[in-house]
Amino acid sequence: MTPHTHDLTDLFDQLGISSDRHSIAHFIRCHTVLGNGTLLQDRALWSVSQSTFLREAIDQDGDWAIVVNQLNAALHH
């Protein structure tokens, strides 16, 4: 069984955030940090349920882990 490949649109949908291309780009622009050691899932911008989802995605290293890591990279460039 091959894992399902998610993209940023899927992740933003899952998190309940506007997921069109413009909205994703705007979110990344507004929330990018430089040199901040705070983990993605611990940032103040998430609700408790969003933070829990992100933490579990990373911890379980499952279907969502790749796209969560992509978002993390985009927010820390």
Protein backbone atom coordinates (compact mmCIF):
# COMPACT_ATOMS: atom_id res chain seq x y z
CA MET A 1 0.00 0.00 0.00
CA THR A 2 1.49 3.33 -1.03
CA PRO A 3 0.98 6.33 1.23
CA HIS A 4 -1.25 9.15 0.04
CA THR A 5 0.74 12.19 -1.06
CA HIS A 6 -0.63 15.43 0.33
CA ASP A 7 0.21 18.93 -0.86
CA LEU A 8 0.01 22.34 0.81
CA THR A 9 -3.57 22.80 -0.38
CA ASP A 10 -4.57 19.57 1.39
CA LEU A 11 -2.71 20.63 4.53
CA PHE A 12 -4.33 24.05 4.65
CA ASP A 13 -7.74 22.42 4.10
CA GLN A 14 -7.00 20.02 6.96
CA LEU A 15 -6.00 22.92 9.20
CA GLY A 16 -9.13 24.89 8.24
CA ILE A 17 -7.16 27.71 6.60
CA SER A 18 -7.96 29.23 3.19
CA SER A 19 -6.17 26.99 0.73
CA ASP A 20 -6.13 28.77 -2.61
CA ARG A 21 -2.69 29.59 -4.00
CA HIS A 22 -2.87 33.28 -3.12
CA SER A 23 -3.96 32.57 0.47
CA ILE A 24 -1.18 30.02 1.01
CA ALA A 25 1.44 32.45 -0.33
CA HIS A 26 0.03 35.23 1.86
CA PHE A 27 0.05 33.00 4.95
CA ILE A 28 3.67 32.02 4.36
CA ARG A 29 4.70 35.65 3.76
CA CYS A 30 2.96 36.82 6.94
CA HIS A 31 4.23 34.03 9.19
CA THR A 32 7.81 33.49 8.00
CA VAL A 33 10.40 33.64 10.77
CA LEU A 34 14.14 34.00 10.52
CA GLY A 35 16.38 32.21 13.00
CA ASN A 36 13.57 31.42 15.39
CA GLY A 37 14.10 28.10 17.19
CA THR A 38 10.39 27.62 17.91
CA LEU A 39 9.03 24.38 16.50
CA LEU A 40 6.35 24.71 13.85
CA GLN A 41 3.70 23.04 15.99
CA ASP A 42 4.53 25.25 18.99
CA ARG A 43 4.07 28.60 17.24
CA ALA A 44 1.38 30.83 18.73
CA LEU A 45 -0.45 31.14 15.41
CA TRP A 46 -2.12 27.69 15.70
CA SER A 47 -5.22 26.67 17.59
CA VAL A 48 -4.84 23.76 20.00
CA SER A 49 -6.32 21.33 17.48
CA GLN A 50 -4.08 22.60 14.65
CA SER A 51 -1.00 22.33 16.85
CA THR A 52 -1.98 18.81 17.91
CA PHE A 53 -2.48 17.76 14.30
CA LEU A 54 0.92 19.16 13.26
CA ARG A 55 2.67 17.53 16.23
CA GLU A 56 1.07 14.15 15.52
CA ALA A 57 1.88 14.39 11.81
CA ILE A 58 5.53 14.92 12.61
CA ASP A 59 5.70 12.38 15.45
CA GLN A 60 3.99 9.64 13.46
CA ASP A 61 6.07 10.33 10.34
CA GLY A 62 3.03 9.33 8.28
CA ASP A 63 1.26 10.59 5.19
CA TRP A 64 1.18 14.19 6.38
CA ALA A 65 4.80 14.47 7.59
CA ILE A 66 6.30 15.44 4.22
CA VAL A 67 3.95 18.34 3.57
CA VAL A 68 4.16 19.51 7.21
CA ASN A 69 7.94 19.59 6.82
CA GLN A 70 7.51 21.53 3.57
CA LEU A 71 5.43 24.12 5.37
CA ASN A 72 8.00 24.27 8.15
CA ALA A 73 10.77 24.88 5.62
CA ALA A 74 8.73 27.57 3.84
CA LEU A 75 8.14 29.38 7.14
CA HIS A 76 11.81 29.25 8.14
CA HIS A 77 13.68 30.31 5.01
